Every structure is written in structure tokens, then in C-alpha cells.
Amino acid sequence: MGLTFRDRSAKGCLRSLEGECWIDRESSGCEFRDARLGDRFRKLLSQIGSAMGQSIPLVCQDWANTKAAYRFFSNDRVSEADILAGHFQSTRDRATATEGLVLVLHDTTEFSYQREKSEAIGITKSINSGRDKAGRLRSHTVCGILMHSSLAVTIEGVPLGLAAVKFWTRKKFKGTAALKKKINPTRIPIEKKESVRWVGKSQAVYATLGSSGTMHPYW
């Protein structure tokens, strides 16, 4: 993969020793329906990459760029697959160039948010809120998004990139505990369980990286 350093050029992007901008590399495999969408996406990558973990208004600096960013993410002509296609291609290229085994690590991450209307995003789980004055147990649902990702790494632990990712939320939990008492989960087909994501992500990984025999999924 090569060493990297901060380049204070006009683009302000992170470059490899060969001089290739990481933004160009990670977006070269993206094919948007409009060239202007591709230009906006690369600009967003540069802005977000310059201040990782910060909010969109902060990295965009002004209201005009902030509105442009929100328009991009809400554009019906932009899909999750469009945005991730370039990164998946780069992950495949890095895995192909890697000597030895490539491990694929699968896990689920929760992103929690505070919203007055949780249905605008979705919910992830129901948690215990303690007891009320009468001693009755209380619970509330957590607003957020779940991400099941498959990260390709070398046996030395060097990350090569995501090979697959899926985002989803849950709709309701009411009556779930009672339902478990009536239904034997071992009798439910895997296709009807949320855990089918583990199978789906393994299939997506092989679609991205191929079945060369050098990958070993670790759960």
C-alpha cells in the first residue's frame, strides 16, 4: 500500500509516495449518472477527509457548500452503491496486490442519534430504563442505524478497505419478548431472520474480492 504523508497542495489531499491522490484512487471506480455528481462527490471526500469525524456544516465551511452536500446525499440519482463502488474497487486492487492471506472481518456497528421522531431514522434496540415510582420496569427504544461491515485486512493487521457493507434499522420491538415464548427460532428459515445478513455479506465479499482462495472469513 505504501507510506503516505500530508500534502499541502491546493487539493489538500492525502498522497502516496507515488504521488497519487487517495481521493482519485477511491473514486475512480464510481460511475454516477451525471459527471457533475462525480465532481461533487470528490469535493465532498476532500472536505470530509480534511476533518474526519466532524459534522458536514463544519467541514463544508459555508452554507452554500453545506446545502450542496445535503442535496448530493438526498439526490434520487445517487445511490449507496454509486458512492461505495469506487472504494470496493480499490479494496479489490489492494487485496489482489497483497502477498499472502487476506482476512475478512465481519461485525455490526450501531450509530445512535437523538431525535424527537425516531421514525425519521429508525431504531436499533430497546434498553432498560430502570424502574418507575411504582417499581415497574421501564424501557425505551434507541434511535439510530445499524451497519454490518466486512473489512479486508492482511495477516499483519494492515486494513485494505471494506469489501461489503449493509445499513439497516429496525421498525418495532413491541411484543418481541412474548413472541419468543411462542416461536421456536430454530424452526424459522434463515431467509426470514435478521441474521441472514451474515450470509449476505459473505456473498457480497466474494462478489467484490473473488474466490481466489486467499480469503478467510473471521466472524
C-alpha atoms as a PDB file:
ATOM      1  CA  MET A   1       0.000   0.000   0.000  1.00  0.00           C
ATOM      2  CA  GLY A   2       2.950   2.326   0.550  1.00  0.00           C
ATOM      3  CA  LEU A   3       3.623   5.100   3.029  1.00  0.00           C
ATOM      4  CA  THR A   4       1.593   8.291   2.970  1.00  0.00           C
ATOM      5  CA  PHE A   5       2.158  11.875   4.039  1.00  0.00           C
ATOM      6  CA  ARG A   6       0.192  15.112   4.235  1.00  0.00           C
ATOM      7  CA  ASP A   7       0.370  17.137   1.060  1.00  0.00           C
ATOM      8  CA  ARG A   8      -0.364  20.851   1.477  1.00  0.00           C
ATOM      9  CA  SER A   9      -1.230  21.272  -2.194  1.00  0.00           C
ATOM     10  CA  ALA A  10      -4.279  23.142  -3.475  1.00  0.00           C
ATOM     11  CA  LYS A  11      -6.388  19.996  -3.207  1.00  0.00           C
ATOM     12  CA  GLY A  12      -5.069  19.299   0.284  1.00  0.00           C
ATOM     13  CA  CYS A  13      -5.458  15.576  -0.271  1.00  0.00           C
ATOM     14  CA  LEU A  14      -3.509  12.682   1.204  1.00  0.00           C
ATOM     15  CA  ARG A  15      -0.978  11.410  -1.352  1.00  0.00           C
ATOM     16  CA  SER A  16       1.054   8.242  -1.562  1.00  0.00           C
ATOM     17  CA  LEU A  17       4.789   8.316  -2.221  1.00  0.00           C
ATOM     18  CA  GLU A  18       3.967   7.703  -5.882  1.00  0.00           C
ATOM     19  CA  GLY A  19       2.035  10.991  -5.911  1.00  0.00           C
ATOM     20  CA  GLU A  20      -1.447   9.536  -6.435  1.00  0.00           C
ATOM     21  CA  CYS A  21      -4.202  11.357  -4.582  1.00  0.00           C
ATOM     22  CA  TRP A  22      -6.236   8.989  -2.399  1.00  0.00           C
ATOM     23  CA  ILE A  23      -9.429  10.735  -3.485  1.00  0.00           C
ATOM     24  CA  ASP A  24      -8.736   9.942  -7.148  1.00  0.00           C
ATOM     25  CA  ARG A  25      -7.939   6.343  -6.245  1.00  0.00           C
ATOM     26  CA  GLU A  26     -11.021   5.775  -4.091  1.00  0.00           C
ATOM     27  CA  SER A  27     -13.440   7.441  -6.520  1.00  0.00           C
ATOM     28  CA  SER A  28     -12.070   6.233  -9.865  1.00  0.00           C
ATOM     29  CA  GLY A  29     -14.408   3.235  -9.869  1.00  0.00           C
ATOM     30  CA  CYS A  30     -17.534   5.328  -9.254  1.00  0.00           C
ATOM     31  CA  GLU A  31     -19.896   5.840 -12.183  1.00  0.00           C
ATOM     32  CA  PHE A  32     -22.507   8.486 -11.410  1.00  0.00           C
ATOM     33  CA  ARG A  33     -25.335   9.310 -13.805  1.00  0.00           C
ATOM     34  CA  ASP A  34     -24.052  12.854 -14.144  1.00  0.00           C
ATOM     35  CA  ALA A  35     -20.402  13.950 -14.285  1.00  0.00           C
ATOM     36  CA  ARG A  36     -21.266  16.854 -12.008  1.00  0.00           C
ATOM     37  CA  LEU A  37     -22.299  14.386  -9.301  1.00  0.00           C
ATOM     38  CA  GLY A  38     -18.877  12.765  -9.555  1.00  0.00           C
ATOM     39  CA  ASP A  39     -17.202  16.158  -9.170  1.00  0.00           C
ATOM     40  CA  ARG A  40     -19.339  16.955  -6.130  1.00  0.00           C
ATOM     41  CA  PHE A  41     -18.552  13.559  -4.592  1.00  0.00           C
ATOM     42  CA  ARG A  42     -14.791  14.068  -4.960  1.00  0.00           C
ATOM     43  CA  LYS A  43     -15.077  17.519  -3.425  1.00  0.00           C
ATOM     44  CA  LEU A  44     -17.030  16.083  -0.502  1.00  0.00           C
ATOM     45  CA  LEU A  45     -14.376  13.411   0.027  1.00  0.00           C
ATOM     46  CA  SER A  46     -11.709  16.112   0.148  1.00  0.00           C
ATOM     47  CA  GLN A  47     -13.707  18.194   2.627  1.00  0.00           C
ATOM     48  CA  ILE A  48     -14.640  15.293   4.908  1.00  0.00           C
ATOM     49  CA  GLY A  49     -11.132  13.808   4.697  1.00  0.00           C
ATOM     50  CA  SER A  50      -9.632  17.074   5.917  1.00  0.00           C
ATOM     51  CA  ALA A  51     -11.591  16.889   9.200  1.00  0.00           C
ATOM     52  CA  MET A  52     -12.541  13.284   9.909  1.00  0.00           C
ATOM     53  CA  GLY A  53     -15.356  12.832  12.407  1.00  0.00           C
ATOM     54  CA  GLN A  54     -16.644  16.386  12.157  1.00  0.00           C
ATOM     55  CA  SER A  55     -20.115  17.471  11.079  1.00  0.00           C
ATOM     56  CA  ILE A  56     -20.978  18.319   7.475  1.00  0.00           C
ATOM     57  CA  PRO A  57     -21.517  22.050   8.219  1.00  0.00           C
ATOM     58  CA  LEU A  58     -18.082  22.235   9.858  1.00  0.00           C
ATOM     59  CA  VAL A  59     -16.150  20.511   7.062  1.00  0.00           C
ATOM     60  CA  CYS A  60     -18.033  22.407   4.344  1.00  0.00           C
ATOM     61  CA  GLN A  61     -17.122  25.763   5.945  1.00  0.00           C
ATOM     62  CA  ASP A  62     -20.005  27.800   4.484  1.00  0.00           C
ATOM     63  CA  TRP A  63     -23.754  27.482   3.971  1.00  0.00           C
ATOM     64  CA  ALA A  64     -23.563  27.168   0.169  1.00  0.00           C
ATOM     65  CA  ASN A  65     -21.253  24.122   0.334  1.00  0.00           C
ATOM     66  CA  THR A  66     -23.277  22.655   3.187  1.00  0.00           C
ATOM     67  CA  LYS A  67     -26.516  22.858   1.185  1.00  0.00           C
ATOM     68  CA  ALA A  68     -24.727  21.336  -1.824  1.00  0.00           C
ATOM     69  CA  ALA A  69     -23.586  18.417   0.339  1.00  0.00           C
ATOM     70  CA  TYR A  70     -27.091  17.757   1.660  1.00  0.00           C
ATOM     71  CA  ARG A  71     -28.502  17.981  -1.874  1.00  0.00           C
ATOM     72  CA  PHE A  72     -25.974  15.382  -3.014  1.00  0.00           C
ATOM     73  CA  PHE A  73     -26.864  12.907  -0.267  1.00  0.00           C
ATOM     74  CA  SER A  74     -30.628  13.372  -0.830  1.00  0.00           C
ATOM     75  CA  ASN A  75     -30.376  13.172  -4.632  1.00  0.00           C
ATOM     76  CA  ASP A  76     -32.532  10.349  -6.023  1.00  0.00           C
ATOM     77  CA  ARG A  77     -29.912   9.777  -8.726  1.00  0.00           C
ATOM     78  CA  VAL A  78     -27.252   8.938  -6.135  1.00  0.00           C
ATOM     79  CA  SER A  79     -27.358   5.510  -4.515  1.00  0.00           C
ATOM     80  CA  GLU A  80     -25.346   3.829  -1.788  1.00  0.00           C
ATOM     81  CA  ALA A  81     -23.895   1.534  -4.459  1.00  0.00           C
ATOM     82  CA  ASP A  82     -22.755   4.533  -6.532  1.00  0.00           C
ATOM     83  CA  ILE A  83     -20.849   6.007  -3.591  1.00  0.00           C
ATOM     84  CA  LEU A  84     -19.218   2.738  -2.476  1.00  0.00           C
ATOM     85  CA  ALA A  85     -18.335   1.313  -5.910  1.00  0.00           C
ATOM     86  CA  GLY A  86     -15.013   3.146  -6.122  1.00  0.00           C
ATOM     87  CA  HIS A  87     -13.896   2.097  -2.655  1.00  0.00           C
ATOM     88  CA  PHE A  88     -14.828  -1.549  -3.287  1.00  0.00           C
ATOM     89  CA  GLN A  89     -12.773  -1.450  -6.496  1.00  0.00           C
ATOM     90  CA  SER A  90      -9.801  -0.014  -4.589  1.00  0.00           C
ATOM     91  CA  THR A  91     -10.168  -2.683  -1.898  1.00  0.00           C
ATOM     92  CA  ARG A  92     -10.126  -5.363  -4.604  1.00  0.00           C
ATOM     93  CA  ASP A  93      -6.998  -3.848  -6.192  1.00  0.00           C
ATOM     94  CA  ARG A  94      -5.175  -3.706  -2.851  1.00  0.00           C
ATOM     95  CA  ALA A  95      -6.197  -7.277  -1.984  1.00  0.00           C
ATOM     96  CA  THR A  96      -5.003  -8.528  -5.377  1.00  0.00           C
ATOM     97  CA  ALA A  97      -1.627  -6.834  -4.864  1.00  0.00           C
ATOM     98  CA  THR A  98      -1.237  -8.348  -1.387  1.00  0.00           C
ATOM     99  CA  GLU A  99       1.047 -11.341  -0.966  1.00  0.00           C
ATOM    100  CA  GLY A 100      -0.268 -13.994   1.361  1.00  0.00           C
ATOM    101  CA  LEU A 101      -3.632 -14.383   3.052  1.00  0.00           C
ATOM    102  CA  VAL A 102      -6.312 -11.720   3.226  1.00  0.00           C
ATOM    103  CA  LEU A 103      -8.618 -11.933   6.234  1.00  0.00           C
ATOM    104  CA  VAL A 104     -12.185 -10.595   6.112  1.00  0.00           C
ATOM    105  CA  LEU A 105     -13.513  -9.403   9.485  1.00  0.00           C
ATOM    106  CA  HIS A 106     -17.300  -9.155   9.864  1.00  0.00           C
ATOM    107  CA  ASP A 107     -19.028  -7.117  12.554  1.00  0.00           C
ATOM    108  CA  THR A 108     -22.075  -4.952  13.245  1.00  0.00           C
ATOM    109  CA  THR A 109     -21.783  -1.346  14.462  1.00  0.00           C
ATOM    110  CA  GLU A 110     -24.516   0.836  15.976  1.00  0.00           C
ATOM    111  CA  PHE A 111     -24.850   4.565  15.258  1.00  0.00           C
ATOM    112  CA  SER A 112     -27.105   6.205  17.852  1.00  0.00           C
ATOM    113  CA  TYR A 113     -28.845   9.568  17.424  1.00  0.00           C
ATOM    114  CA  GLN A 114     -31.164  11.773  19.445  1.00  0.00           C
ATOM    115  CA  ARG A 115     -34.301  12.674  17.510  1.00  0.00           C
ATOM    116  CA  GLU A 116     -37.766  13.721  18.594  1.00  0.00           C
ATOM    117  CA  LYS A 117     -39.233  11.472  15.887  1.00  0.00           C
ATOM    118  CA  SER A 118     -37.285   8.222  15.754  1.00  0.00           C
ATOM    119  CA  GLU A 119     -39.229   7.027  12.701  1.00  0.00           C
ATOM    120  CA  ALA A 120     -37.303   9.577  10.604  1.00  0.00           C
ATOM    121  CA  ILE A 121     -34.207   7.390  11.036  1.00  0.00           C
ATOM    122  CA  GLY A 122     -35.286   4.133  12.617  1.00  0.00           C
ATOM    123  CA  ILE A 123     -34.476   2.281  15.832  1.00  0.00           C
ATOM    124  CA  THR A 124     -31.746  -0.170  16.786  1.00  0.00           C
ATOM    125  CA  LYS A 125     -32.773  -1.739  20.088  1.00  0.00           C
ATOM    126  CA  SER A 126     -34.855  -1.465  23.234  1.00  0.00           C
ATOM    127  CA  ILE A 127     -32.986  -0.897  26.509  1.00  0.00           C
ATOM    128  CA  ASN A 128     -33.892  -0.991  30.190  1.00  0.00           C
ATOM    129  CA  SER A 129     -34.536   2.490  31.639  1.00  0.00           C
ATOM    130  CA  GLY A 130     -34.808   1.397  35.250  1.00  0.00           C
ATOM    131  CA  ARG A 131     -37.982   1.379  37.329  1.00  0.00           C
ATOM    132  CA  ASP A 132     -40.699   3.971  37.783  1.00  0.00           C
ATOM    133  CA  LYS A 133     -42.014   5.158  41.160  1.00  0.00           C
ATOM    134  CA  ALA A 134     -44.279   2.133  41.339  1.00  0.00           C
ATOM    135  CA  GLY A 135     -41.344  -0.210  40.843  1.00  0.00           C
ATOM    136  CA  ARG A 136     -42.320  -1.247  37.323  1.00  0.00           C
ATOM    137  CA  LEU A 137     -39.604  -1.795  34.748  1.00  0.00           C
ATOM    138  CA  ARG A 138     -39.357   0.839  32.030  1.00  0.00           C
ATOM    139  CA  SER A 139     -37.742   0.610  28.617  1.00  0.00           C
ATOM    140  CA  HIS A 140     -37.190   2.877  25.654  1.00  0.00           C
ATOM    141  CA  THR A 141     -36.065   2.411  22.092  1.00  0.00           C
ATOM    142  CA  VAL A 142     -32.769   3.789  20.793  1.00  0.00           C
ATOM    143  CA  CYS A 143     -32.871   5.855  17.603  1.00  0.00           C
ATOM    144  CA  GLY A 144     -30.141   5.009  15.112  1.00  0.00           C
ATOM    145  CA  ILE A 145     -28.724   2.952  12.263  1.00  0.00           C
ATOM    146  CA  LEU A 146     -27.036  -0.451  12.157  1.00  0.00           C
ATOM    147  CA  MET A 147     -24.076  -1.120   9.872  1.00  0.00           C
ATOM    148  CA  HIS A 148     -22.859  -4.626   9.105  1.00  0.00           C
ATOM    149  CA  SER A 149     -19.418  -4.337   7.515  1.00  0.00           C
ATOM    150  CA  SER A 150     -16.790  -6.687   6.122  1.00  0.00           C
ATOM    151  CA  LEU A 151     -13.249  -5.319   6.470  1.00  0.00           C
ATOM    152  CA  ALA A 152     -10.392  -6.865   4.474  1.00  0.00           C
ATOM    153  CA  VAL A 153      -7.034  -6.893   6.280  1.00  0.00           C
ATOM    154  CA  THR A 154      -3.652  -8.548   5.827  1.00  0.00           C
ATOM    155  CA  ILE A 155      -2.440 -11.129   8.353  1.00  0.00           C
ATOM    156  CA  GLU A 156      -0.220  -8.354   9.759  1.00  0.00           C
ATOM    157  CA  GLY A 157      -3.344  -6.317  10.511  1.00  0.00           C
ATOM    158  CA  VAL A 158      -2.992  -3.723   7.725  1.00  0.00           C
ATOM    159  CA  PRO A 159      -6.504  -2.638   6.597  1.00  0.00           C
ATOM    160  CA  LEU A 160      -7.150  -2.934   2.850  1.00  0.00           C
ATOM    161  CA  GLY A 161     -10.662  -1.484   2.904  1.00  0.00           C
ATOM    162  CA  LEU A 162     -14.284  -2.548   3.098  1.00  0.00           C
ATOM    163  CA  ALA A 163     -15.324  -5.458   0.902  1.00  0.00           C
ATOM    164  CA  ALA A 164     -19.034  -5.198   1.730  1.00  0.00           C
ATOM    165  CA  VAL A 165     -21.339  -3.101   3.898  1.00  0.00           C
ATOM    166  CA  LYS A 166     -25.072  -3.004   4.660  1.00  0.00           C
ATOM    167  CA  PHE A 167     -27.088  -0.382   6.570  1.00  0.00           C
ATOM    168  CA  TRP A 168     -30.489  -1.015   8.114  1.00  0.00           C
ATOM    169  CA  THR A 169     -32.786  -0.146  11.006  1.00  0.00           C
ATOM    170  CA  ARG A 170     -35.475  -1.963  12.903  1.00  0.00           C
ATOM    171  CA  LYS A 171     -39.115  -0.892  12.946  1.00  0.00           C
ATOM    172  CA  LYS A 172     -40.571  -2.179  16.207  1.00  0.00           C
ATOM    173  CA  PHE A 173     -39.940  -4.315  19.280  1.00  0.00           C
ATOM    174  CA  LYS A 174     -43.411  -4.401  20.846  1.00  0.00           C
ATOM    175  CA  GLY A 175     -44.363  -7.946  21.705  1.00  0.00           C
ATOM    176  CA  THR A 176     -40.941  -9.386  20.818  1.00  0.00           C
ATOM    177  CA  ALA A 177     -40.351 -10.974  24.226  1.00  0.00           C
ATOM    178  CA  ALA A 178     -43.762 -12.643  24.188  1.00  0.00           C
ATOM    179  CA  LEU A 179     -43.225 -13.821  20.629  1.00  0.00           C
ATOM    180  CA  LYS A 180     -40.019 -15.638  21.609  1.00  0.00           C
ATOM    181  CA  LYS A 181     -42.035 -17.759  24.027  1.00  0.00           C
ATOM    182  CA  LYS A 182     -44.390 -18.900  21.264  1.00  0.00           C
ATOM    183  CA  ILE A 183     -41.984 -19.449  18.358  1.00  0.00           C
ATOM    184  CA  ASN A 184     -39.016 -21.795  18.211  1.00  0.00           C
ATOM    185  CA  PRO A 185     -36.306 -19.694  16.482  1.00  0.00           C
ATOM    186  CA  THR A 186     -34.577 -22.847  15.220  1.00  0.00           C
ATOM    187  CA  ARG A 187     -37.662 -23.601  13.097  1.00  0.00           C
ATOM    188  CA  ILE A 188     -37.604 -20.220  11.310  1.00  0.00           C
ATOM    189  CA  PRO A 189     -35.872 -20.250   7.890  1.00  0.00           C
ATOM    190  CA  ILE A 190     -32.634 -18.248   7.813  1.00  0.00           C
ATOM    191  CA  GLU A 191     -34.073 -16.113   4.997  1.00  0.00           C
ATOM    192  CA  LYS A 192     -36.650 -14.707   7.442  1.00  0.00           C
ATOM    193  CA  LYS A 193     -34.140 -13.893  10.186  1.00  0.00           C
ATOM    194  CA  GLU A 194     -32.129 -10.709  10.590  1.00  0.00           C
ATOM    195  CA  SER A 195     -29.045 -12.923  10.964  1.00  0.00           C
ATOM    196  CA  VAL A 196     -29.263 -13.671   7.245  1.00  0.00           C
ATOM    197  CA  ARG A 197     -27.045 -10.558   6.903  1.00  0.00           C
ATOM    198  CA  TRP A 198     -24.048 -12.746   7.790  1.00  0.00           C
ATOM    199  CA  VAL A 199     -24.739 -14.926   4.762  1.00  0.00           C
ATOM    200  CA  GLY A 200     -25.493 -11.957   2.529  1.00  0.00           C
ATOM    201  CA  LYS A 201     -22.289 -10.142   3.459  1.00  0.00           C
ATOM    202  CA  SER A 202     -20.167 -13.238   2.787  1.00  0.00           C
ATOM    203  CA  GLN A 203     -21.694 -13.481  -0.675  1.00  0.00           C
ATOM    204  CA  ALA A 204     -21.061  -9.764  -1.262  1.00  0.00           C
ATOM    205  CA  VAL A 205     -17.434 -10.146  -0.167  1.00  0.00           C
ATOM    206  CA  TYR A 206     -16.799 -12.843  -2.754  1.00  0.00           C
ATOM    207  CA  ALA A 207     -18.520 -10.703  -5.350  1.00  0.00           C
ATOM    208  CA  THR A 208     -16.083  -7.891  -4.517  1.00  0.00           C
ATOM    209  CA  LEU A 209     -12.842  -9.791  -3.960  1.00  0.00           C
ATOM    210  CA  GLY A 210     -13.471 -13.008  -5.866  1.00  0.00           C
ATOM    211  CA  SER A 211     -12.959 -16.566  -4.657  1.00  0.00           C
ATOM    212  CA  SER A 212      -9.208 -16.756  -5.238  1.00  0.00           C
ATOM    213  CA  GLY A 213      -8.668 -18.948  -2.200  1.00  0.00           C
ATOM    214  CA  THR A 214      -6.614 -16.335  -0.359  1.00  0.00           C
ATOM    215  CA  MET A 215      -9.506 -15.056   1.778  1.00  0.00           C
ATOM    216  CA  HIS A 216     -10.529 -16.497   5.113  1.00  0.00           C
ATOM    217  CA  PRO A 217     -13.653 -15.002   6.760  1.00  0.00           C
ATOM    218  CA  TYR A 218     -13.306 -14.435  10.537  1.00  0.00           C
ATOM    219  CA  TRP A 219     -16.581 -13.968  12.419  1.00  0.00           C
END
